[in-house]
Amino acid sequence: MLTSTVVNTEAILEGMTATPVEIASPGPAPAGPSAAVACCAPLAREPLSAQDALGLAGVLKAIADPARLRLLSLVGAREGGEACVCDLIEPLGLSQPTVSHHLKTLVDAGLLSRDKRGVWAYYSLVPGALDDVARVLTTSAQS
């Protein structure tokens, strides 16, 4: 048997008062994976600390998926350097929720930025993010 309940939220909220709460802002998000890799000299020049290795591994883990590598390539190669999530679904052959999950992982790793426009989200490469990762992985003496 299916039953439904109607709740009068106005009556519930009528006796409640709002109390302002101050929430500390965490500050601006770092641009790119710089927080995880900017501190790191090239691997062949000096050893990573355990903390630096953990941060770099997080970024590399985000990249180490074929769909995410393709997303980085698809977004970077688009005219204007940005792509709507709606334009990335078909080339990958994955469902929209799966593509969105992969994009979120890349945004969280600091490799892509996200700009919400209406119902769609547009993604672009964070300038210098992939260069930072490449710099850490280089074997040359340059930094």
Protein backbone atom coordinates (compact mmCIF):
# COMPACT_ATOMS: atom_id res chain seq x y z
CA MET A 1 0.00 0.00 0.00
CA LEU A 2 1.38 3.39 -1.02
CA THR A 3 0.85 6.27 1.36
CA SER A 4 2.00 9.84 1.17
CA THR A 5 2.44 12.50 3.79
CA VAL A 6 2.02 16.20 3.26
CA VAL A 7 4.09 18.39 5.56
CA ASN A 8 3.21 22.01 6.15
CA THR A 9 6.70 23.49 6.23
CA GLU A 10 5.37 27.02 6.78
CA ALA A 11 3.86 25.94 10.08
CA ILE A 12 7.10 24.24 11.13
CA LEU A 13 9.26 27.21 10.19
CA GLU A 14 6.88 29.82 11.66
CA GLY A 15 8.22 29.52 15.21
CA MET A 16 11.87 29.30 14.21
CA THR A 17 14.27 32.22 14.13
CA ALA A 18 17.40 32.50 12.10
CA THR A 19 20.68 32.83 13.94
CA PRO A 20 23.52 34.27 11.90
CA VAL A 21 26.55 32.04 11.82
CA GLU A 22 29.95 33.23 10.72
CA ILE A 23 31.74 30.70 8.58
CA ALA A 24 35.44 31.09 8.06
CA SER A 25 36.39 31.14 4.42
CA PRO A 26 39.08 28.63 3.49
CA GLY A 27 40.54 31.23 1.14
CA PRO A 28 41.01 30.94 -2.57
CA ALA A 29 41.65 27.50 -4.00
CA PRO A 30 45.14 27.00 -5.33
CA ALA A 31 45.47 27.46 -9.08
CA GLY A 32 46.43 24.12 -10.50
CA PRO A 33 48.08 21.30 -8.68
CA SER A 34 50.69 23.80 -7.52
CA ALA A 35 49.94 23.05 -3.88
CA ALA A 36 50.89 19.44 -4.53
CA VAL A 37 53.76 19.91 -6.97
CA ALA A 38 55.12 23.47 -6.78
CA CYS A 39 57.08 22.58 -3.69
CA CYS A 40 58.73 19.68 -5.45
CA ALA A 41 62.04 19.80 -7.27
CA PRO A 42 62.41 17.42 -10.21
CA LEU A 43 62.43 13.84 -8.95
CA ALA A 44 65.86 13.16 -10.40
CA ARG A 45 67.37 16.13 -8.56
CA GLU A 46 66.28 15.57 -4.97
CA PRO A 47 64.15 13.04 -3.09
CA LEU A 48 60.52 13.82 -2.32
CA SER A 49 59.36 14.10 1.27
CA ALA A 50 56.56 11.76 2.30
CA GLN A 51 54.06 14.65 2.28
CA ASP A 52 55.16 15.88 -1.16
CA ALA A 53 54.95 12.33 -2.52
CA LEU A 54 51.40 12.03 -1.18
CA GLY A 55 50.32 15.27 -2.88
CA LEU A 56 52.00 14.43 -6.18
CA ALA A 57 50.54 10.92 -6.11
CA GLY A 58 47.04 12.41 -5.80
CA VAL A 59 47.55 14.48 -8.94
CA LEU A 60 49.10 11.57 -10.83
CA LYS A 61 46.27 9.29 -9.72
CA ALA A 62 43.79 11.74 -11.23
CA ILE A 63 45.70 11.66 -14.52
CA ALA A 64 46.26 7.87 -14.49
CA ASP A 65 42.92 6.95 -16.02
CA PRO A 66 42.42 6.62 -19.78
CA ALA A 67 39.10 8.52 -19.74
CA ARG A 68 40.64 11.38 -17.72
CA LEU A 69 43.65 11.58 -20.03
CA ARG A 70 41.25 11.82 -22.97
CA LEU A 71 39.25 14.50 -21.18
CA LEU A 72 42.39 16.59 -20.62
CA SER A 73 43.23 16.19 -24.29
CA LEU A 74 39.69 16.91 -25.52
CA VAL A 75 39.35 20.03 -23.39
CA GLY A 76 42.82 21.34 -24.21
CA ALA A 77 42.40 20.77 -27.94
CA ARG A 78 39.02 22.51 -28.20
CA GLU A 79 38.85 25.85 -29.94
CA GLY A 80 38.94 28.48 -27.21
CA GLY A 81 40.44 25.96 -24.80
CA GLU A 82 37.17 25.10 -23.08
CA ALA A 83 34.49 22.48 -23.48
CA CYS A 84 30.97 21.97 -22.25
CA VAL A 85 30.32 18.69 -20.48
CA CYS A 86 27.59 18.11 -23.06
CA ASP A 87 30.26 18.05 -25.80
CA LEU A 88 32.45 15.50 -24.01
CA ILE A 89 29.96 12.68 -23.52
CA GLU A 90 29.81 11.38 -27.10
CA PRO A 91 33.57 11.38 -27.83
CA LEU A 92 34.22 9.38 -24.67
CA GLY A 93 31.32 6.99 -25.13
CA LEU A 94 30.50 7.22 -21.42
CA SER A 95 27.35 8.30 -19.63
CA GLN A 96 26.94 11.90 -18.50
CA PRO A 97 27.23 11.04 -14.78
CA THR A 98 30.46 9.13 -15.42
CA VAL A 99 31.95 11.97 -17.48
CA SER A 100 30.93 14.46 -14.78
CA HIS A 101 32.60 12.29 -12.13
CA HIS A 102 35.85 12.20 -14.09
CA LEU A 103 35.71 15.96 -14.67
CA LYS A 104 35.17 16.57 -10.95
CA THR A 105 38.21 14.43 -10.16
CA LEU A 106 40.31 16.52 -12.55
CA VAL A 107 38.97 19.77 -11.06
CA ASP A 108 39.70 18.53 -7.53
CA ALA A 109 43.26 17.69 -8.62
CA GLY A 110 43.69 21.25 -9.87
CA LEU A 111 44.09 20.29 -13.51
CA LEU A 112 40.79 21.68 -14.84
CA SER A 113 38.71 24.68 -13.87
CA ARG A 114 34.90 24.67 -13.98
CA ASP A 115 32.60 27.51 -15.00
CA LYS A 116 28.85 26.98 -14.51
CA ARG A 117 26.68 28.65 -17.16
CA GLY A 118 22.99 27.97 -16.80
CA VAL A 119 22.47 24.23 -16.62
CA TRP A 120 25.80 23.36 -18.23
CA ALA A 121 29.33 23.40 -16.88
CA TYR A 122 32.28 24.42 -19.03
CA TYR A 123 35.77 23.15 -18.34
CA SER A 124 39.20 24.47 -19.25
CA LEU A 125 42.78 23.52 -18.44
CA VAL A 126 44.25 25.40 -15.50
CA PRO A 127 47.12 27.40 -17.03
CA GLY A 128 50.47 25.82 -16.20
CA ALA A 129 49.00 22.88 -14.27
CA LEU A 130 50.26 20.18 -16.62
CA ASP A 131 53.55 22.05 -17.00
CA ASP A 132 54.01 21.90 -13.20
CA VAL A 133 53.49 18.14 -13.24
CA ALA A 134 55.87 17.73 -16.19
CA ARG A 135 58.50 19.86 -14.42
CA VAL A 136 58.50 17.55 -11.41
CA LEU A 137 58.78 14.46 -13.62
CA THR A 138 61.62 15.79 -15.76
CA THR A 139 65.06 14.21 -15.57
CA SER A 140 66.89 17.29 -16.86
CA ALA A 141 68.96 19.49 -14.55
CA GLN A 142 66.71 22.50 -15.23
CA SER A 143 63.99 23.43 -12.74
